[in-house]
């Protein structure tokens, strides 16, 4: 479930409290309205978020989204993933740069493993 492209950013934004569709669209950079709607439906179907009525203080009400208890249980792992990304971004970018240079120079064919030895059963 967390492997879908926009799930982590949406869950992270909703960790700060309920938000309406347009608020999420403005805060989750790069997501289209259609894909955001699909992601919200996916998360709602899986019990991670719920729709709630949002009152604007002027008598109007609209739909907002908030994390359920199940969704709030994702706070710790989602924060850990974001911290890991922030802490290791430089290393990841250096690795990309180095591998791209090797590919461009023809030293390693694209998709090749090079001289890395892949264990027969990496999970043991």
Protein backbone atom coordinates (compact mmCIF):
# COMPACT_ATOMS: atom_id res chain seq x y z
CA UNK A 1 0.00 0.00 0.00
CA UNK A 2 2.79 2.44 0.85
CA UNK A 3 4.49 1.74 -2.47
CA UNK A 4 1.99 3.80 -4.45
CA UNK A 5 3.56 7.05 -5.58
CA UNK A 6 1.43 9.63 -3.76
CA UNK A 7 0.41 7.71 -0.63
CA UNK A 8 3.34 8.79 1.57
CA UNK A 9 3.10 12.52 0.78
CA UNK A 10 -0.69 12.52 1.33
CA UNK A 11 -0.45 10.61 4.61
CA UNK A 12 2.35 12.91 5.76
CA UNK A 13 0.29 16.03 5.01
CA UNK A 14 -2.78 14.64 6.76
CA UNK A 15 -0.62 13.95 9.81
CA UNK A 16 -0.95 17.66 10.56
CA UNK A 17 -4.75 17.51 10.70
CA UNK A 18 -7.74 17.38 8.41
CA UNK A 19 -7.48 19.05 5.02
CA UNK A 20 -9.70 19.67 2.06
CA UNK A 21 -8.90 18.45 -1.46
CA UNK A 22 -7.60 21.84 -2.67
CA UNK A 23 -5.37 22.18 0.40
CA UNK A 24 -3.80 18.79 -0.23
CA UNK A 25 -3.38 19.59 -3.92
CA UNK A 26 -1.51 22.78 -3.02
CA UNK A 27 0.73 21.07 -0.46
CA UNK A 28 1.53 17.85 -2.31
CA UNK A 29 3.57 19.26 -5.17
CA UNK A 30 3.24 17.59 -8.56
CA UNK A 31 0.08 15.57 -7.97
CA UNK A 32 -2.77 16.15 -10.42
CA UNK A 33 -6.32 16.62 -9.09
CA UNK A 34 -7.40 13.33 -10.68
CA UNK A 35 -4.53 11.33 -9.18
CA UNK A 36 -5.06 12.97 -5.79
CA UNK A 37 -8.72 11.94 -5.89
CA UNK A 38 -7.74 8.37 -6.80
CA UNK A 39 -5.19 8.30 -3.98
CA UNK A 40 -7.70 9.63 -1.45
CA UNK A 41 -10.25 6.99 -2.53
CA UNK A 42 -7.58 4.29 -2.25
CA UNK A 43 -6.62 5.41 1.26
CA UNK A 44 -10.26 5.69 2.33
CA UNK A 45 -11.03 2.20 1.00
CA UNK A 46 -8.09 0.84 3.00
CA UNK A 47 -9.22 2.53 6.22
CA UNK A 48 -6.29 4.95 6.43
CA UNK A 49 -8.34 8.14 6.00
CA UNK A 50 -11.95 9.16 6.43
CA UNK A 51 -14.06 11.96 5.04
CA UNK A 52 -15.24 14.53 7.56
CA UNK A 53 -17.34 17.68 7.31
CA UNK A 54 -15.25 20.83 7.41
CA UNK A 55 -17.03 24.00 8.57
CA UNK A 56 -15.48 27.24 7.36
CA UNK A 57 -16.97 29.35 10.14
CA UNK A 58 -19.35 31.16 7.77
CA UNK A 59 -22.08 28.52 7.69
CA UNK A 60 -20.71 26.59 4.72
CA UNK A 61 -19.56 23.02 5.03
CA UNK A 62 -17.41 20.94 2.71
CA UNK A 63 -15.67 17.59 2.71
CA UNK A 64 -12.23 17.27 4.25
CA UNK A 65 -10.03 14.25 4.89
CA UNK A 66 -8.36 13.13 8.08
CA UNK A 67 -6.33 10.17 9.22
CA UNK A 68 -8.15 7.39 11.04
CA UNK A 69 -6.57 5.63 14.01
CA UNK A 70 -5.10 3.17 11.52
CA UNK A 71 -3.73 6.07 9.47
CA UNK A 72 -2.23 7.74 12.54
CA UNK A 73 -0.41 4.49 13.29
CA UNK A 74 1.63 5.24 10.13
CA UNK A 75 3.09 8.45 11.63
CA UNK A 76 6.21 6.79 13.02
CA UNK A 77 7.17 4.73 9.94
CA UNK A 78 6.36 7.57 7.53
CA UNK A 79 8.44 10.02 9.56
CA UNK A 80 11.28 7.49 9.62
CA UNK A 81 11.17 7.16 5.82
CA UNK A 82 11.23 10.95 5.38
CA UNK A 83 14.11 11.31 7.86
CA UNK A 84 16.06 8.60 6.04
CA UNK A 85 15.52 10.41 2.74
CA UNK A 86 16.61 13.73 4.17
CA UNK A 87 19.65 12.23 5.92
CA UNK A 88 20.85 10.23 2.90
CA UNK A 89 19.88 12.45 -0.04
CA UNK A 90 23.49 13.49 -0.66
CA UNK A 91 24.66 9.88 -0.77
CA UNK A 92 21.87 8.91 -3.17
CA UNK A 93 22.65 11.83 -5.48
CA UNK A 94 26.39 10.99 -5.47
CA UNK A 95 25.62 7.38 -6.33
CA UNK A 96 23.34 8.46 -9.20
CA UNK A 97 26.01 10.80 -10.51
CA UNK A 98 28.73 8.11 -10.33
CA UNK A 99 26.63 5.41 -12.02
CA UNK A 100 25.40 7.84 -14.71
CA UNK A 101 29.03 8.74 -15.46
CA UNK A 102 29.98 5.06 -15.76
CA UNK A 103 27.02 4.44 -18.08
CA UNK A 104 27.83 7.49 -20.18
CA UNK A 105 31.46 6.38 -20.47
CA UNK A 106 30.43 2.89 -21.54
CA UNK A 107 32.27 1.33 -18.60
CA UNK A 108 29.09 -0.36 -17.39
CA UNK A 109 26.27 -1.23 -19.82
CA UNK A 110 22.89 0.06 -18.67
CA UNK A 111 21.13 -2.45 -16.47
CA UNK A 112 24.28 -4.50 -15.91
CA UNK A 113 25.26 -5.46 -12.43
CA UNK A 114 28.92 -4.84 -13.13
CA UNK A 115 31.14 -6.84 -10.80
CA UNK A 116 28.67 -6.93 -7.94
CA UNK A 117 28.07 -10.38 -6.58
CA UNK A 118 24.40 -10.93 -5.89
CA UNK A 119 23.79 -13.45 -3.10
CA UNK A 120 21.72 -16.49 -4.01
CA UNK A 121 19.36 -15.91 -1.10
CA UNK A 122 19.71 -12.28 0.06
CA UNK A 123 17.03 -12.64 2.76
CA UNK A 124 18.96 -15.17 4.85
